[in-house]
Amino acid sequence: MAAQQNLTRTLKLIRLLKQRPGKTLSQLAQLLECSHRHARRFMESLEEAGFIIDSEGKRPPRFYLYEDERRQQADFTEEEAQLLQEALSSISGINPLLAPLRQKIYQHSTLLPLANGLIDQHQSQVVARLAEAIRDRRQVWLLRYHSINSNSISDRLVEPYSFSENYTILTAYEPESETTKTFKTQRIEDVSLLDSPQENPPSEVLTDPFGWPGEQKEVSLRLTYQAYHLLREEYPATRPELTHIADDAPFSYTYTGDVRSWIGLGRFVLGLPGEIKVDGPEEFREYLRGRVGDYIL
């Protein structure tokens, strides 16, 4: 039983470390439901297996699973990796080149993309339970939800209303705060479906392409190719409002569309400094200036 529990926690740790931003040791221990010492041991086991765990920040550091983009260009199959491992096992264990070679084999094999599958499977299970709650108008507990704003992990009682187009964002009513909020499904560790009916079932909750409810307002942006590509990919509902205006200009794409909150769009713009110009409205510019001031101060 203990061995099975350790395996489950190790696989869960891989999934958690694949998510960005990284997580502190305390957050990992809380999500794995173990002590700090055991959480560190699980990370050490992954490193021994060839995974590279990196960190960012210092007080406290946030850990994440490092992946070199070049790894995609030269993947080994599991059979090829196994053959190379067997060949290396015949070499003396004191050879200083063995450790980095084993690490490269794991990093350039199909073993590492296993983590992507773990994330996809986890998110599909979360979405399936939430979809059931939306269909039956039932309350749920979002277990160990990781809030970036408050930098906390907590259980949240909510009444799920709807998903964004790509199921990455949940819109739900939170009885405790008596407000409608959005939650990223990737940050939900688990979902507990309750028998209690929703107390405030929606007639219809309208959200913008970024998953936020509120009053509708128009925004106009100019984007570089990188910003255009990311906007299309991450928020498919924006595609009808994207336009190509020039081939030679650095900001050769425009987005003119309606949003219901500055929060979702603001996060996207602030995450791509130098890649987006705001043509209007002035209210959105003021919001961005305020957010930049928050970061600096």
C-alpha atoms as a PDB file:
ATOM      1  CA  MET A   1       0.000   0.000   0.000  1.00  0.00           C
ATOM      2  CA  ALA A   2       2.841   2.402   0.906  1.00  0.00           C
ATOM      3  CA  ALA A   3       4.638   1.685  -2.377  1.00  0.00           C
ATOM      4  CA  GLN A   4       1.456   2.357  -4.360  1.00  0.00           C
ATOM      5  CA  GLN A   5       0.868   5.608  -2.454  1.00  0.00           C
ATOM      6  CA  ASN A   6       4.432   6.748  -3.151  1.00  0.00           C
ATOM      7  CA  LEU A   7       4.030   5.969  -6.857  1.00  0.00           C
ATOM      8  CA  THR A   8       0.771   7.913  -6.963  1.00  0.00           C
ATOM      9  CA  ARG A   9       2.398  10.900  -5.279  1.00  0.00           C
ATOM     10  CA  THR A  10       5.396  10.764  -7.614  1.00  0.00           C
ATOM     11  CA  LEU A  11       3.169  10.818 -10.706  1.00  0.00           C
ATOM     12  CA  LYS A  12       1.114  13.588  -9.151  1.00  0.00           C
ATOM     13  CA  LEU A  13       4.316  15.545  -8.479  1.00  0.00           C
ATOM     14  CA  ILE A  14       5.295  15.291 -12.160  1.00  0.00           C
ATOM     15  CA  ARG A  15       1.958  16.810 -13.120  1.00  0.00           C
ATOM     16  CA  LEU A  16       2.260  19.600 -10.545  1.00  0.00           C
ATOM     17  CA  LEU A  17       5.803  20.484 -11.609  1.00  0.00           C
ATOM     18  CA  LYS A  18       4.699  20.710 -15.246  1.00  0.00           C
ATOM     19  CA  GLN A  19       2.322  23.549 -14.365  1.00  0.00           C
ATOM     20  CA  ARG A  20       3.498  27.163 -14.387  1.00  0.00           C
ATOM     21  CA  PRO A  21       4.066  29.229 -12.381  1.00  0.00           C
ATOM     22  CA  GLY A  22       6.148  26.934 -10.221  1.00  0.00           C
ATOM     23  CA  LYS A  23       5.158  25.922  -6.716  1.00  0.00           C
ATOM     24  CA  THR A  24       6.927  26.330  -3.385  1.00  0.00           C
ATOM     25  CA  LEU A  25       7.923  23.338  -1.279  1.00  0.00           C
ATOM     26  CA  SER A  26       5.089  24.143   1.143  1.00  0.00           C
ATOM     27  CA  GLN A  27       2.537  24.218  -1.672  1.00  0.00           C
ATOM     28  CA  LEU A  28       3.810  20.920  -3.092  1.00  0.00           C
ATOM     29  CA  ALA A  29       3.646  19.270   0.333  1.00  0.00           C
ATOM     30  CA  GLN A  30       0.096  20.550   0.819  1.00  0.00           C
ATOM     31  CA  LEU A  31      -1.037  19.318  -2.596  1.00  0.00           C
ATOM     32  CA  LEU A  32       0.683  15.947  -2.149  1.00  0.00           C
ATOM     33  CA  GLU A  33      -0.673  15.706   1.408  1.00  0.00           C
ATOM     34  CA  CYS A  34       2.705  14.869   2.888  1.00  0.00           C
ATOM     35  CA  SER A  35       5.483  16.506   4.913  1.00  0.00           C
ATOM     36  CA  HIS A  36       8.037  18.921   3.470  1.00  0.00           C
ATOM     37  CA  ARG A  37      10.719  16.278   3.935  1.00  0.00           C
ATOM     38  CA  HIS A  38       8.792  13.691   1.930  1.00  0.00           C
ATOM     39  CA  ALA A  39       7.986  16.206  -0.818  1.00  0.00           C
ATOM     40  CA  ARG A  40      11.700  16.952  -1.179  1.00  0.00           C
ATOM     41  CA  ARG A  41      12.447  13.222  -1.306  1.00  0.00           C
ATOM     42  CA  PHE A  42       9.973  12.757  -4.145  1.00  0.00           C
ATOM     43  CA  MET A  43      11.693  15.563  -6.074  1.00  0.00           C
ATOM     44  CA  GLU A  44      15.084  13.981  -5.464  1.00  0.00           C
ATOM     45  CA  SER A  45      13.745  10.667  -6.804  1.00  0.00           C
ATOM     46  CA  LEU A  46      12.619  12.399  -9.995  1.00  0.00           C
ATOM     47  CA  GLU A  47      16.044  13.993 -10.413  1.00  0.00           C
ATOM     48  CA  GLU A  48      17.698  10.600  -9.965  1.00  0.00           C
ATOM     49  CA  ALA A  49      15.447   9.287 -12.745  1.00  0.00           C
ATOM     50  CA  GLY A  50      16.719  12.000 -15.103  1.00  0.00           C
ATOM     51  CA  PHE A  51      14.123  14.752 -14.739  1.00  0.00           C
ATOM     52  CA  ILE A  52      15.513  18.264 -14.359  1.00  0.00           C
ATOM     53  CA  ILE A  53      13.809  20.278 -11.627  1.00  0.00           C
ATOM     54  CA  ASP A  54      14.560  23.989 -11.753  1.00  0.00           C
ATOM     55  CA  SER A  55      13.482  26.839  -9.497  1.00  0.00           C
ATOM     56  CA  GLU A  56      12.744  30.548  -9.742  1.00  0.00           C
ATOM     57  CA  GLY A  57      12.784  33.182  -7.030  1.00  0.00           C
ATOM     58  CA  LYS A  58      14.426  32.839  -3.638  1.00  0.00           C
ATOM     59  CA  ARG A  59      11.966  33.657  -0.843  1.00  0.00           C
ATOM     60  CA  PRO A  60      10.765  30.981  -1.129  1.00  0.00           C
ATOM     61  CA  PRO A  61      11.880  29.310  -4.388  1.00  0.00           C
ATOM     62  CA  ARG A  62       9.234  27.965  -6.771  1.00  0.00           C
ATOM     63  CA  PHE A  63       9.993  24.617  -8.372  1.00  0.00           C
ATOM     64  CA  TYR A  64       9.049  23.463 -11.867  1.00  0.00           C
ATOM     65  CA  LEU A  65      10.002  20.754 -14.348  1.00  0.00           C
ATOM     66  CA  TYR A  66      12.522  22.052 -16.853  1.00  0.00           C
ATOM     67  CA  GLU A  67      12.155  21.060 -20.503  1.00  0.00           C
ATOM     68  CA  ASP A  68      14.643  22.096 -23.163  1.00  0.00           C
ATOM     69  CA  GLU A  69      12.745  23.034 -26.328  1.00  0.00           C
ATOM     70  CA  ARG A  70      15.433  21.253 -28.352  1.00  0.00           C
ATOM     71  CA  ARG A  71      14.332  17.984 -26.756  1.00  0.00           C
ATOM     72  CA  GLN A  72      11.430  17.928 -29.195  1.00  0.00           C
ATOM     73  CA  GLN A  73      13.861  17.571 -32.097  1.00  0.00           C
ATOM     74  CA  ALA A  74      15.470  14.277 -31.084  1.00  0.00           C
ATOM     75  CA  ASP A  75      13.187  12.001 -29.128  1.00  0.00           C
ATOM     76  CA  PHE A  76      14.021   8.363 -28.493  1.00  0.00           C
ATOM     77  CA  THR A  77      11.297   5.766 -28.225  1.00  0.00           C
ATOM     78  CA  GLU A  78      11.049   3.837 -24.965  1.00  0.00           C
ATOM     79  CA  GLU A  79      12.633   0.813 -26.695  1.00  0.00           C
ATOM     80  CA  GLU A  80      15.585   2.897 -27.923  1.00  0.00           C
ATOM     81  CA  ALA A  81      16.053   4.450 -24.490  1.00  0.00           C
ATOM     82  CA  GLN A  82      15.958   0.986 -22.878  1.00  0.00           C
ATOM     83  CA  LEU A  83      18.606  -0.312 -25.305  1.00  0.00           C
ATOM     84  CA  LEU A  84      20.910   2.611 -24.531  1.00  0.00           C
ATOM     85  CA  GLN A  85      20.388   2.107 -20.799  1.00  0.00           C
ATOM     86  CA  GLU A  86      21.358  -1.555 -21.115  1.00  0.00           C
ATOM     87  CA  ALA A  87      24.490  -0.580 -23.033  1.00  0.00           C
ATOM     88  CA  LEU A  88      25.448   1.941 -20.356  1.00  0.00           C
ATOM     89  CA  SER A  89      24.956  -0.631 -17.605  1.00  0.00           C
ATOM     90  CA  SER A  90      27.949  -2.553 -18.940  1.00  0.00           C
ATOM     91  CA  ILE A  91      30.240   0.431 -18.314  1.00  0.00           C
ATOM     92  CA  SER A  92      32.004   0.854 -14.991  1.00  0.00           C
ATOM     93  CA  GLY A  93      29.863   2.745 -12.505  1.00  0.00           C
ATOM     94  CA  ILE A  94      32.701   5.103 -11.589  1.00  0.00           C
ATOM     95  CA  ASN A  95      32.862   6.630 -15.074  1.00  0.00           C
ATOM     96  CA  PRO A  96      32.022  10.356 -14.593  1.00  0.00           C
ATOM     97  CA  LEU A  97      30.212  10.521 -17.945  1.00  0.00           C
ATOM     98  CA  LEU A  98      27.549   7.990 -16.969  1.00  0.00           C
ATOM     99  CA  ALA A  99      25.289  10.306 -14.957  1.00  0.00           C
ATOM    100  CA  PRO A 100      24.935  13.044 -17.611  1.00  0.00           C
ATOM    101  CA  LEU A 101      24.448  10.409 -20.326  1.00  0.00           C
ATOM    102  CA  ARG A 102      21.606   8.740 -18.415  1.00  0.00           C
ATOM    103  CA  GLN A 103      20.037  12.138 -17.841  1.00  0.00           C
ATOM    104  CA  LYS A 104      20.171  12.976 -21.545  1.00  0.00           C
ATOM    105  CA  ILE A 105      18.562   9.667 -22.456  1.00  0.00           C
ATOM    106  CA  TYR A 106      15.596  10.380 -20.207  1.00  0.00           C
ATOM    107  CA  GLN A 107      15.329  13.986 -21.374  1.00  0.00           C
ATOM    108  CA  HIS A 108      15.387  12.933 -25.051  1.00  0.00           C
ATOM    109  CA  SER A 109      13.021   9.992 -24.788  1.00  0.00           C
ATOM    110  CA  THR A 110       9.267   9.557 -24.714  1.00  0.00           C
ATOM    111  CA  LEU A 111       9.435   9.149 -20.943  1.00  0.00           C
ATOM    112  CA  LEU A 112       9.289  12.885 -20.256  1.00  0.00           C
ATOM    113  CA  PRO A 113       6.197  13.626 -22.383  1.00  0.00           C
ATOM    114  CA  LEU A 114       4.369  11.249 -20.046  1.00  0.00           C
ATOM    115  CA  ALA A 115       3.902  14.333 -17.868  1.00  0.00           C
ATOM    116  CA  ASN A 116       1.845  16.003 -20.594  1.00  0.00           C
ATOM    117  CA  GLY A 117      -0.493  13.027 -20.641  1.00  0.00           C
ATOM    118  CA  LEU A 118      -0.871  13.187 -16.875  1.00  0.00           C
ATOM    119  CA  ILE A 119      -1.922  16.836 -17.087  1.00  0.00           C
ATOM    120  CA  ASP A 120      -4.405  16.156 -19.899  1.00  0.00           C
ATOM    121  CA  GLN A 121      -5.959  13.206 -18.065  1.00  0.00           C
ATOM    122  CA  HIS A 122      -6.233  15.129 -14.808  1.00  0.00           C
ATOM    123  CA  GLN A 123      -7.849  18.144 -16.443  1.00  0.00           C
ATOM    124  CA  SER A 124     -10.327  15.993 -18.365  1.00  0.00           C
ATOM    125  CA  GLN A 125     -11.477  14.364 -15.100  1.00  0.00           C
ATOM    126  CA  VAL A 126     -11.897  17.759 -13.453  1.00  0.00           C
ATOM    127  CA  VAL A 127     -13.853  19.115 -16.433  1.00  0.00           C
ATOM    128  CA  ALA A 128     -16.081  16.016 -16.554  1.00  0.00           C
ATOM    129  CA  ARG A 129     -17.137  16.422 -12.900  1.00  0.00           C
ATOM    130  CA  LEU A 130     -17.743  20.138 -13.341  1.00  0.00           C
ATOM    131  CA  ALA A 131     -19.786  19.502 -16.489  1.00  0.00           C
ATOM    132  CA  GLU A 132     -21.970  17.108 -14.493  1.00  0.00           C
ATOM    133  CA  ALA A 133     -22.493  19.794 -11.830  1.00  0.00           C
ATOM    134  CA  ILE A 134     -23.428  22.359 -14.498  1.00  0.00           C
ATOM    135  CA  ARG A 135     -25.884  19.940 -16.091  1.00  0.00           C
ATOM    136  CA  ASP A 136     -27.547  18.947 -12.788  1.00  0.00           C
ATOM    137  CA  ARG A 137     -27.299  22.439 -11.191  1.00  0.00           C
ATOM    138  CA  ARG A 138     -25.377  21.121  -8.183  1.00  0.00           C
ATOM    139  CA  GLN A 139     -22.785  22.656  -5.890  1.00  0.00           C
ATOM    140  CA  VAL A 140     -19.189  21.424  -5.818  1.00  0.00           C
ATOM    141  CA  TRP A 141     -16.062  21.811  -3.751  1.00  0.00           C
ATOM    142  CA  LEU A 142     -13.005  22.858  -5.755  1.00  0.00           C
ATOM    143  CA  LEU A 143     -10.402  21.011  -3.719  1.00  0.00           C
ATOM    144  CA  ARG A 144      -7.008  22.596  -3.096  1.00  0.00           C
ATOM    145  CA  TYR A 145      -7.501  25.375  -5.640  1.00  0.00           C
ATOM    146  CA  HIS A 146      -4.267  27.305  -6.254  1.00  0.00           C
ATOM    147  CA  SER A 147      -5.011  31.038  -6.400  1.00  0.00           C
ATOM    148  CA  ILE A 148      -2.237  33.088  -7.990  1.00  0.00           C
ATOM    149  CA  ASN A 149      -3.736  36.391  -6.759  1.00  0.00           C
ATOM    150  CA  SER A 150      -3.637  35.456  -3.065  1.00  0.00           C
ATOM    151  CA  ASN A 151      -0.803  32.922  -3.466  1.00  0.00           C
ATOM    152  CA  SER A 152      -2.828  30.414  -1.447  1.00  0.00           C
ATOM    153  CA  ILE A 153      -4.227  26.905  -1.745  1.00  0.00           C
ATOM    154  CA  SER A 154      -7.724  26.346  -0.373  1.00  0.00           C
ATOM    155  CA  ASP A 155     -11.017  24.503  -0.887  1.00  0.00           C
ATOM    156  CA  ARG A 156     -13.712  26.634  -2.538  1.00  0.00           C
ATOM    157  CA  LEU A 157     -17.464  25.960  -2.446  1.00  0.00           C
ATOM    158  CA  VAL A 158     -18.927  27.107  -5.775  1.00  0.00           C
ATOM    159  CA  GLU A 159     -21.902  26.733  -8.090  1.00  0.00           C
ATOM    160  CA  PRO A 160     -20.519  26.049 -11.592  1.00  0.00           C
ATOM    161  CA  TYR A 161     -22.233  27.972 -14.397  1.00  0.00           C
ATOM    162  CA  SER A 162     -20.230  27.573 -17.604  1.00  0.00           C
ATOM    163  CA  PHE A 163     -16.854  26.945 -19.285  1.00  0.00           C
ATOM    164  CA  SER A 164     -14.811  29.030 -21.669  1.00  0.00           C
ATOM    165  CA  GLU A 165     -14.650  27.718 -25.244  1.00  0.00           C
ATOM    166  CA  ASN A 166     -11.550  25.582 -24.610  1.00  0.00           C
ATOM    167  CA  TYR A 167     -12.602  24.451 -21.097  1.00  0.00           C
ATOM    168  CA  THR A 168      -9.619  26.127 -19.429  1.00  0.00           C
ATOM    169  CA  ILE A 169     -11.730  28.598 -17.410  1.00  0.00           C
ATOM    170  CA  LEU A 170     -14.762  27.890 -15.221  1.00  0.00           C
ATOM    171  CA  THR A 171     -17.287  30.597 -14.398  1.00  0.00           C
ATOM    172  CA  ALA A 172     -18.993  29.913 -11.067  1.00  0.00           C
ATOM    173  CA  TYR A 173     -20.918  31.619  -8.289  1.00  0.00           C
ATOM    174  CA  GLU A 174     -19.168  31.568  -4.907  1.00  0.00           C
ATOM    175  CA  PRO A 175     -21.700  31.692  -2.026  1.00  0.00           C
ATOM    176  CA  GLU A 176     -19.117  32.822   0.539  1.00  0.00           C
ATOM    177  CA  SER A 177     -18.252  36.033  -1.337  1.00  0.00           C
ATOM    178  CA  GLU A 178     -21.678  36.273  -3.034  1.00  0.00           C
ATOM    179  CA  THR A 179     -19.972  36.995  -6.357  1.00  0.00           C
ATOM    180  CA  THR A 180     -19.493  35.303  -9.704  1.00  0.00           C
ATOM    181  CA  LYS A 181     -15.850  34.425 -10.293  1.00  0.00           C
ATOM    182  CA  THR A 182     -13.658  32.613 -12.803  1.00  0.00           C
ATOM    183  CA  PHE A 183     -11.351  29.708 -11.977  1.00  0.00           C
ATOM    184  CA  LYS A 184      -8.638  28.104 -14.108  1.00  0.00           C
ATOM    185  CA  THR A 185      -9.402  24.392 -14.376  1.00  0.00           C
ATOM    186  CA  GLN A 186      -5.700  23.511 -14.422  1.00  0.00           C
ATOM    187  CA  ARG A 187      -5.328  24.936 -10.912  1.00  0.00           C
ATOM    188  CA  ILE A 188      -8.107  22.740  -9.495  1.00  0.00           C
ATOM    189  CA  GLU A 189      -6.540  19.715  -7.825  1.00  0.00           C
ATOM    190  CA  ASP A 190      -9.812  17.781  -7.533  1.00  0.00           C
ATOM    191  CA  VAL A 191     -13.594  18.248  -7.541  1.00  0.00           C
ATOM    192  CA  SER A 192     -16.079  16.946  -4.980  1.00  0.00           C
ATOM    193  CA  LEU A 193     -19.582  16.810  -6.448  1.00  0.00           C
ATOM    194  CA  LEU A 194     -22.255  17.550  -3.814  1.00  0.00           C
ATOM    195  CA  ASP A 195     -25.910  16.545  -3.616  1.00  0.00           C
ATOM    196  CA  SER A 196     -26.955  20.061  -2.591  1.00  0.00           C
ATOM    197  CA  PRO A 197     -28.658  22.061  -5.373  1.00  0.00           C
ATOM    198  CA  GLN A 198     -27.393  25.440  -6.527  1.00  0.00           C
ATOM    199  CA  GLU A 199     -28.910  28.316  -4.549  1.00  0.00           C
ATOM    200  CA  ASN A 200     -28.377  30.885  -7.304  1.00  0.00           C
ATOM    201  CA  PRO A 201     -28.803  29.051 -10.616  1.00  0.00           C
ATOM    202  CA  PRO A 202     -28.064  31.413 -13.520  1.00  0.00           C
ATOM    203  CA  SER A 203     -30.494  32.384 -16.216  1.00  0.00           C
ATOM    204  CA  GLU A 204     -27.475  33.028 -18.411  1.00  0.00           C
ATOM    205  CA  VAL A 205     -23.977  34.154 -17.444  1.00  0.00           C
ATOM    206  CA  LEU A 206     -22.270  35.994 -20.275  1.00  0.00           C
ATOM    207  CA  THR A 207     -18.481  36.027 -20.337  1.00  0.00           C
ATOM    208  CA  ASP A 208     -15.952  37.593 -22.683  1.00  0.00           C
ATOM    209  CA  PRO A 209     -13.395  35.619 -24.765  1.00  0.00           C
ATOM    210  CA  PHE A 210     -11.074  35.653 -21.733  1.00  0.00           C
ATOM    211  CA  GLY A 211     -13.671  34.041 -19.470  1.00  0.00           C
ATOM    212  CA  TRP A 212     -14.677  37.082 -17.399  1.00  0.00           C
ATOM    213  CA  PRO A 213     -18.237  38.324 -16.748  1.00  0.00           C
ATOM    214  CA  GLY A 214     -19.275  41.979 -16.458  1.00  0.00           C
ATOM    215  CA  GLU A 215     -20.463  44.910 -18.528  1.00  0.00           C
ATOM    216  CA  GLN A 216     -19.519  44.838 -22.192  1.00  0.00           C
ATOM    217  CA  LYS A 217     -16.947  47.346 -23.492  1.00  0.00           C
ATOM    218  CA  GLU A 218     -14.938  47.584 -26.709  1.00  0.00           C
ATOM    219  CA  VAL A 219     -11.148  47.476 -26.880  1.00  0.00           C
ATOM    220  CA  SER A 220      -8.747  47.992 -29.774  1.00  0.00           C
ATOM    221  CA  LEU A 221      -5.216  46.566 -29.903  1.00  0.00           C
ATOM    222  CA  ARG A 222      -2.328  46.303 -32.355  1.00  0.00           C
ATOM    223  CA  LEU A 223      -0.252  43.144 -32.136  1.00  0.00           C
ATOM    224  CA  THR A 224       3.018  41.666 -33.356  1.00  0.00           C
ATOM    225  CA  TYR A 225       2.954  38.268 -35.014  1.00  0.00           C
ATOM    226  CA  GLN A 226       3.924  36.587 -31.737  1.00  0.00           C
ATOM    227  CA  ALA A 227       1.093  38.266 -29.815  1.00  0.00           C
ATOM    228  CA  TYR A 228      -1.360  37.513 -32.643  1.00  0.00           C
ATOM    229  CA  HIS A 229      -0.380  33.844 -32.698  1.00  0.00           C
ATOM    230  CA  LEU A 230      -0.644  33.449 -28.908  1.00  0.00           C
ATOM    231  CA  LEU A 231      -4.007  35.234 -28.774  1.00  0.00           C
ATOM    232  CA  ARG A 232      -5.441  32.945 -31.477  1.00  0.00           C
ATOM    233  CA  GLU A 233      -4.076  29.845 -29.776  1.00  0.00           C
ATOM    234  CA  GLU A 234      -4.930  30.591 -26.144  1.00  0.00           C
ATOM    235  CA  TYR A 235      -8.262  32.363 -26.707  1.00  0.00           C
ATOM    236  CA  PRO A 236      -9.926  30.910 -29.843  1.00  0.00           C
ATOM    237  CA  ALA A 237     -13.057  33.038 -29.382  1.00  0.00           C
ATOM    238  CA  THR A 238     -11.017  36.142 -30.360  1.00  0.00           C
ATOM    239  CA  ARG A 239     -10.266  34.842 -33.867  1.00  0.00           C
ATOM    240  CA  PRO A 240     -13.219  36.501 -35.678  1.00  0.00           C
ATOM    241  CA  GLU A 241     -12.048  39.938 -34.436  1.00  0.00           C
ATOM    242  CA  LEU A 242      -8.392  39.513 -35.491  1.00  0.00           C
ATOM    243  CA  THR A 243      -7.292  41.295 -38.680  1.00  0.00           C
ATOM    244  CA  HIS A 244      -4.059  41.362 -40.689  1.00  0.00           C
ATOM    245  CA  ILE A 245      -3.280  44.948 -41.750  1.00  0.00           C
ATOM    246  CA  ALA A 246       0.328  45.026 -43.076  1.00  0.00           C
ATOM    247  CA  ASP A 247       3.231  42.702 -43.820  1.00  0.00           C
ATOM    248  CA  ASP A 248       6.128  45.051 -43.111  1.00  0.00           C
ATOM    249  CA  ALA A 249       4.954  46.740 -39.896  1.00  0.00           C
ATOM    250  CA  PRO A 250       6.037  45.208 -36.570  1.00  0.00           C
ATOM    251  CA  PHE A 251       2.461  45.540 -35.299  1.00  0.00           C
ATOM    252  CA  SER A 252       0.791  44.066 -38.357  1.00  0.00           C
ATOM    253  CA  TYR A 253      -2.330  42.637 -36.687  1.00  0.00           C
ATOM    254  CA  THR A 254      -5.281  44.221 -34.903  1.00  0.00           C
ATOM    255  CA  TYR A 255      -7.814  42.995 -32.403  1.00  0.00           C
ATOM    256  CA  THR A 256     -11.011  45.009 -32.036  1.00  0.00           C
ATOM    257  CA  GLY A 257     -13.622  43.302 -29.918  1.00  0.00           C
ATOM    258  CA  ASP A 258     -15.760  43.368 -26.802  1.00  0.00           C
ATOM    259  CA  VAL A 259     -14.603  42.368 -23.322  1.00  0.00           C
ATOM    260  CA  ARG A 260     -16.469  42.353 -20.011  1.00  0.00           C
ATOM    261  CA  SER A 261     -13.518  42.871 -17.685  1.00  0.00           C
ATOM    262  CA  TRP A 262     -10.027  44.305 -17.988  1.00  0.00           C
ATOM    263  CA  ILE A 263      -8.602  41.494 -15.850  1.00  0.00           C
ATOM    264  CA  GLY A 264      -8.322  38.663 -18.383  1.00  0.00           C
ATOM    265  CA  LEU A 265      -7.215  40.827 -21.309  1.00  0.00           C
ATOM    266  CA  GLY A 266      -4.945  42.842 -19.006  1.00  0.00           C
ATOM    267  CA  ARG A 267      -3.083  39.730 -17.892  1.00  0.00           C
ATOM    268  CA  PHE A 268      -2.527  38.769 -21.516  1.00  0.00           C
ATOM    269  CA  VAL A 269      -1.219  42.233 -22.483  1.00  0.00           C
ATOM    270  CA  LEU A 270       1.060  42.555 -19.434  1.00  0.00           C
ATOM    271  CA  GLY A 271       2.447  39.083 -20.100  1.00  0.00           C
ATOM    272  CA  LEU A 272       3.780  40.215 -23.499  1.00  0.00           C
ATOM    273  CA  PRO A 273       5.669  43.488 -22.904  1.00  0.00           C
ATOM    274  CA  GLY A 274       6.559  45.283 -26.131  1.00  0.00           C
ATOM    275  CA  GLU A 275       4.347  43.012 -28.249  1.00  0.00           C
ATOM    276  CA  ILE A 276       1.006  44.855 -27.976  1.00  0.00           C
ATOM    277  CA  LYS A 277      -0.081  48.488 -28.414  1.00  0.00           C
ATOM    278  CA  VAL A 278      -3.375  49.692 -26.951  1.00  0.00           C
ATOM    279  CA  ASP A 279      -5.317  52.008 -29.267  1.00  0.00           C
ATOM    280  CA  GLY A 280      -8.168  52.375 -26.791  1.00  0.00           C
ATOM    281  CA  PRO A 281     -10.026  52.993 -24.664  1.00  0.00           C
ATOM    282  CA  GLU A 282      -8.179  55.226 -22.201  1.00  0.00           C
ATOM    283  CA  GLU A 283      -9.847  53.379 -19.317  1.00  0.00           C
ATOM    284  CA  PHE A 284      -7.962  50.222 -20.293  1.00  0.00           C
ATOM    285  CA  ARG A 285      -4.660  52.147 -20.492  1.00  0.00           C
ATOM    286  CA  GLU A 286      -5.258  53.470 -16.974  1.00  0.00           C
ATOM    287  CA  TYR A 287      -5.966  49.954 -15.736  1.00  0.00           C
ATOM    288  CA  LEU A 288      -2.658  48.725 -17.209  1.00  0.00           C
ATOM    289  CA  ARG A 289      -0.727  51.642 -15.690  1.00  0.00           C
ATOM    290  CA  GLY A 290      -2.212  50.795 -12.312  1.00  0.00           C
ATOM    291  CA  ARG A 291      -1.249  47.136 -12.629  1.00  0.00           C
ATOM    292  CA  VAL A 292       2.312  48.044 -13.642  1.00  0.00           C
ATOM    293  CA  GLY A 293       2.490  50.333 -10.610  1.00  0.00           C
ATOM    294  CA  ASP A 294       1.369  47.446  -8.396  1.00  0.00           C
ATOM    295  CA  TYR A 295       4.181  45.263  -9.752  1.00  0.00           C
ATOM    296  CA  ILE A 296       6.838  47.953  -9.257  1.00  0.00           C
ATOM    297  CA  LEU A 297       5.694  49.174  -5.844  1.00  0.00           C
END
